[in-house]
N, C-alpha and C. Protein backbone atom coordinates (compact mmCIF):
# COMPACT_ATOMS: atom_id res chain seq x y z
N UNK A 1 0.81 -1.08 -0.02
CA UNK A 1 -0.44 -0.06 -0.23
C UNK A 1 0.92 1.25 0.09
N UNK A 2 0.28 2.43 -0.89
CA UNK A 2 1.21 3.55 -0.65
C UNK A 2 0.33 4.98 -0.48
N UNK A 3 0.48 5.41 0.75
CA UNK A 3 -0.19 6.47 0.85
C UNK A 3 0.60 7.87 0.70
N UNK A 4 -0.12 8.82 0.32
CA UNK A 4 0.69 9.95 -0.55
C UNK A 4 -0.27 10.92 0.46
N UNK A 5 0.80 12.09 0.66
CA UNK A 5 0.23 13.36 1.62
C UNK A 5 0.40 14.64 1.07
N UNK A 6 -0.12 15.49 1.42
CA UNK A 6 0.38 16.85 0.85
C UNK A 6 0.08 17.95 2.07
N UNK A 7 0.89 18.91 2.07
CA UNK A 7 0.71 19.84 3.17
C UNK A 7 0.90 21.00 2.92
N UNK A 8 -0.18 22.28 2.76
CA UNK A 8 0.45 23.69 2.26
C UNK A 8 1.09 24.32 3.36
N UNK A 9 2.08 25.04 2.85
CA UNK A 9 2.94 25.54 3.77
C UNK A 9 2.48 26.49 4.68
N UNK A 10 3.10 26.46 5.91
CA UNK A 10 2.75 27.30 7.10
C UNK A 10 2.65 28.89 6.88
N UNK A 11 1.54 29.52 6.71
CA UNK A 11 1.66 30.86 6.66
C UNK A 11 2.76 31.68 7.30
N UNK A 12 3.29 32.79 6.74
CA UNK A 12 4.02 33.67 7.56
C UNK A 12 3.76 35.22 7.13
N UNK A 13 4.19 36.02 8.10
CA UNK A 13 4.19 37.48 7.53
C UNK A 13 5.39 37.97 7.10
N UNK A 14 5.34 39.01 5.91
CA UNK A 14 6.36 39.64 5.31
C UNK A 14 7.56 40.27 6.09
N UNK A 15 6.89 40.65 7.10
CA UNK A 15 7.19 42.02 7.96
C UNK A 15 7.16 41.11 9.62
N UNK A 16 8.08 41.49 10.23
CA UNK A 16 8.52 41.20 11.82
C UNK A 16 7.38 41.83 12.37
N UNK A 17 6.71 41.16 13.08
CA UNK A 17 5.93 41.69 14.16
C UNK A 17 6.45 42.32 15.41
N UNK A 18 5.62 42.77 15.95
CA UNK A 18 6.50 43.77 17.41
C UNK A 18 6.35 42.76 18.39
N UNK A 19 7.22 42.94 19.60
CA UNK A 19 7.23 41.99 20.56
C UNK A 19 8.01 42.58 21.85
N UNK A 20 8.38 41.98 22.47
CA UNK A 20 8.83 42.30 23.97
C UNK A 20 10.12 41.77 24.16
N UNK A 21 11.17 42.75 24.84
CA UNK A 21 12.35 41.85 24.86
C UNK A 21 12.13 41.19 26.61
N UNK A 22 12.19 40.25 26.90
CA UNK A 22 11.66 39.57 27.97
C UNK A 22 12.70 40.03 29.23
N UNK A 23 14.18 40.87 28.76
CA UNK A 23 15.19 40.66 29.67
C UNK A 23 15.04 42.26 30.09
N UNK A 24 14.95 43.34 28.80
CA UNK A 24 14.80 44.65 29.05
C UNK A 24 13.65 45.16 29.02
N UNK A 25 12.44 44.41 28.73
CA UNK A 25 11.22 44.68 28.92
C UNK A 25 10.69 46.14 27.70
N UNK A 26 11.86 46.35 26.93
CA UNK A 26 11.73 47.28 25.99
C UNK A 26 10.92 46.41 24.39
N UNK A 27 10.55 47.70 23.72
CA UNK A 27 9.69 46.81 22.37
C UNK A 27 10.67 46.64 21.39
N UNK A 28 10.47 45.92 20.71
CA UNK A 28 11.64 44.88 19.85
C UNK A 28 10.77 44.43 18.64
N UNK A 29 11.44 44.36 17.21
CA UNK A 29 10.56 43.43 16.46
C UNK A 29 11.35 41.86 16.41
N UNK A 30 10.43 41.15 16.24
CA UNK A 30 10.52 39.79 16.18
C UNK A 30 11.18 39.67 15.17
N UNK A 31 12.12 38.18 15.30
CA UNK A 31 12.54 37.64 14.22
C UNK A 31 11.64 37.11 13.25
N UNK A 32 12.04 37.62 12.06
CA UNK A 32 11.23 36.67 10.78
C UNK A 32 12.08 35.68 10.78
N UNK A 33 11.50 34.60 10.58
CA UNK A 33 11.90 32.98 10.39
C UNK A 33 10.67 32.18 9.49
N UNK A 34 11.08 31.45 8.86
CA UNK A 34 10.05 30.52 8.55
C UNK A 34 10.51 29.05 9.32
N UNK A 35 9.50 28.49 10.08
CA UNK A 35 9.45 27.27 10.81
C UNK A 35 8.69 26.09 10.49
N UNK A 36 8.81 25.88 8.88
CA UNK A 36 7.93 24.95 8.78
C UNK A 36 8.08 23.34 9.08
N UNK A 37 8.93 23.05 9.48
CA UNK A 37 9.63 21.79 9.71
C UNK A 37 8.89 21.60 11.09
N UNK A 38 8.43 22.35 11.86
CA UNK A 38 7.90 22.22 13.19
C UNK A 38 5.98 21.41 12.63
N UNK A 39 5.70 21.71 11.87
CA UNK A 39 4.75 20.95 11.22
C UNK A 39 4.62 19.35 11.04
N UNK A 40 5.63 18.65 10.73
CA UNK A 40 6.17 17.66 10.34
C UNK A 40 5.87 16.68 11.37
N UNK A 41 5.84 16.98 12.62
CA UNK A 41 5.89 15.67 13.81
C UNK A 41 3.92 15.58 13.72
N UNK A 42 3.46 16.69 13.72
CA UNK A 42 2.44 16.78 14.14
C UNK A 42 1.51 15.77 12.81
N UNK A 43 2.12 16.21 11.77
CA UNK A 43 1.46 15.79 10.42
C UNK A 43 1.78 14.22 10.07
N UNK A 44 2.46 13.70 10.90
CA UNK A 44 2.93 12.46 10.73
C UNK A 44 1.66 11.52 11.45
N UNK A 45 1.38 12.42 12.65
CA UNK A 45 0.53 11.71 13.64
C UNK A 45 -0.96 11.70 13.16
N UNK A 46 -1.09 12.81 12.29
CA UNK A 46 -2.47 13.31 11.79
C UNK A 46 -2.53 11.81 10.66
N UNK A 47 -1.53 11.94 9.58
CA UNK A 47 -1.37 11.02 8.70
C UNK A 47 -1.69 9.55 8.59
N UNK A 48 -1.20 9.17 10.42
CA UNK A 48 -1.17 7.87 10.89
C UNK A 48 -2.59 7.68 11.34
N UNK A 49 -3.40 8.42 11.78
CA UNK A 49 -4.55 8.41 12.32
C UNK A 49 -5.73 8.37 11.27
N UNK A 50 -5.51 8.74 10.43
CA UNK A 50 -6.37 9.05 9.00
C UNK A 50 -6.26 7.95 8.01
N UNK A 51 -5.29 7.41 8.23
CA UNK A 51 -4.95 6.04 7.41
C UNK A 51 -5.77 4.90 8.49
N UNK A 52 -5.70 4.82 9.46
CA UNK A 52 -6.34 4.03 10.29
C UNK A 52 -7.86 4.34 10.56
N UNK A 53 -8.20 5.23 10.46
CA UNK A 53 -9.69 5.25 10.04
C UNK A 53 -10.27 4.96 8.92
N UNK A 54 -9.43 5.29 7.97
CA UNK A 54 -9.74 4.93 6.43
C UNK A 54 -9.68 3.31 6.34
N UNK A 55 -8.80 2.63 6.78
CA UNK A 55 -8.97 1.30 6.88
C UNK A 55 -10.13 0.69 7.67
N UNK A 56 -10.06 1.15 8.76
CA UNK A 56 -11.13 0.96 10.04
C UNK A 56 -12.65 0.84 9.10
N UNK A 57 -12.62 1.98 8.08
CA UNK A 57 -13.99 2.45 7.62
C UNK A 57 -14.00 1.01 6.47
N UNK A 58 -13.35 0.97 5.88
CA UNK A 58 -12.92 -0.28 4.65
C UNK A 58 -13.35 -1.64 5.04
N UNK A 59 -12.75 -1.57 6.42
CA UNK A 59 -13.29 -3.09 7.00
C UNK A 59 -14.50 -3.30 7.69
N UNK A 60 -15.30 -2.16 7.89
CA UNK A 60 -16.38 -2.06 8.53
C UNK A 60 -17.52 -2.14 7.25
N UNK A 61 -16.79 -1.53 5.80
CA UNK A 61 -17.30 -1.73 4.67
C UNK A 61 -17.68 -3.13 4.13
N UNK A 62 -16.75 -3.80 4.10
CA UNK A 62 -16.52 -5.37 4.18
C UNK A 62 -17.27 -6.15 4.70
N UNK A 63 -17.21 -6.11 6.05
CA UNK A 63 -17.66 -7.23 6.84
C UNK A 63 -18.84 -6.63 7.69
N UNK A 64 -18.88 -5.38 7.83
CA UNK A 64 -20.41 -4.60 8.44
C UNK A 64 -20.68 -5.33 9.87
N UNK A 65 -21.74 -5.58 10.10
CA UNK A 65 -22.15 -6.02 11.33
C UNK A 65 -22.65 -4.81 12.47
N UNK A 66 -23.51 -5.14 13.60
CA UNK A 66 -24.02 -4.14 14.54
C UNK A 66 -23.25 -4.08 15.56
N UNK A 67 -22.31 -5.01 15.91
CA UNK A 67 -21.42 -5.31 16.72
C UNK A 67 -20.10 -5.83 16.63
N UNK A 68 -19.22 -5.56 17.67
CA UNK A 68 -17.75 -6.03 17.62
C UNK A 68 -17.94 -7.51 17.23
N UNK A 69 -18.72 -8.26 17.79
CA UNK A 69 -18.75 -9.65 17.60
C UNK A 69 -19.05 -10.40 16.27
N UNK A 70 -20.40 -9.72 15.98
CA UNK A 70 -20.52 -9.54 14.27
C UNK A 70 -19.58 -9.63 13.23
N UNK A 71 -19.22 -8.20 13.50
CA UNK A 71 -17.87 -7.92 12.68
C UNK A 71 -17.13 -9.19 12.84
N UNK A 72 -16.35 -9.50 13.57
CA UNK A 72 -15.16 -10.64 13.72
C UNK A 72 -15.88 -12.15 13.11
N UNK A 73 -17.18 -12.37 13.46
CA UNK A 73 -17.65 -13.48 13.00
C UNK A 73 -17.48 -13.49 11.45
N UNK A 74 -18.01 -12.31 10.60
CA UNK A 74 -18.19 -12.04 9.52
C UNK A 74 -16.72 -12.23 8.96
N UNK A 75 -15.60 -11.62 9.57
CA UNK A 75 -13.99 -11.49 9.09
C UNK A 75 -14.04 -13.03 9.31
N UNK A 76 -14.30 -13.65 10.27
CA UNK A 76 -13.28 -15.00 10.32
C UNK A 76 -14.17 -15.89 9.23
N UNK A 77 -16.04 -15.65 9.11
CA UNK A 77 -16.36 -16.30 7.86
C UNK A 77 -15.46 -16.61 6.26
N UNK A 78 -15.46 -14.67 6.40
CA UNK A 78 -14.66 -14.70 4.78
C UNK A 78 -13.50 -15.31 4.69
N UNK A 79 -12.48 -14.98 6.23
CA UNK A 79 -11.05 -15.67 6.15
C UNK A 79 -11.17 -17.37 6.04
N UNK A 80 -12.14 -17.93 6.35
CA UNK A 80 -12.12 -19.35 5.91
C UNK A 80 -12.52 -19.67 4.29
N UNK A 81 -13.37 -18.57 3.83
CA UNK A 81 -13.77 -18.96 2.33
C UNK A 81 -12.18 -18.49 1.65
N UNK A 82 -11.16 -18.01 1.80
CA UNK A 82 -10.41 -17.40 1.10
C UNK A 82 -9.22 -18.67 0.97
N UNK A 83 -9.15 -19.77 1.72
CA UNK A 83 -8.20 -20.77 1.95
C UNK A 83 -6.72 -20.12 2.21
N UNK A 84 -6.05 -21.67 2.11
CA UNK A 84 -5.02 -20.92 2.70
C UNK A 84 -4.02 -20.15 1.51
N UNK A 85 -3.38 -19.11 2.20
CA UNK A 85 -2.25 -17.79 1.34
C UNK A 85 -0.77 -18.35 1.39
N UNK A 86 -0.63 -19.34 2.04
CA UNK A 86 1.14 -19.48 1.81
C UNK A 86 1.47 -19.25 3.62
N UNK A 87 3.05 -18.77 3.72
CA UNK A 87 3.34 -18.88 5.29
C UNK A 87 2.98 -17.79 6.16
N UNK A 88 2.38 -16.57 5.58
CA UNK A 88 1.95 -15.19 6.23
C UNK A 88 0.91 -15.53 7.10
N UNK A 89 0.14 -16.51 6.86
CA UNK A 89 -1.13 -16.86 7.95
C UNK A 89 -1.11 -16.60 9.37
């Protein structure tokens, strides 16, 4: 399975915003920098969660059921019909 994901760049301001120096308490401009890499860890977690939700929806579409016992009964019944598939069982 291959999963492709995309993110839009995090928006940044073209000019530094005013801020306060914590040591001197003077008004000073903030540094202008892009920090797009900070979104990568969160995006990985979100991507994993979306893949899990998508796979769970596909399993529910395939095996259905009103409760978890019925879901597993349907899965096991399907599994018996596909026959042996090699060493990976």
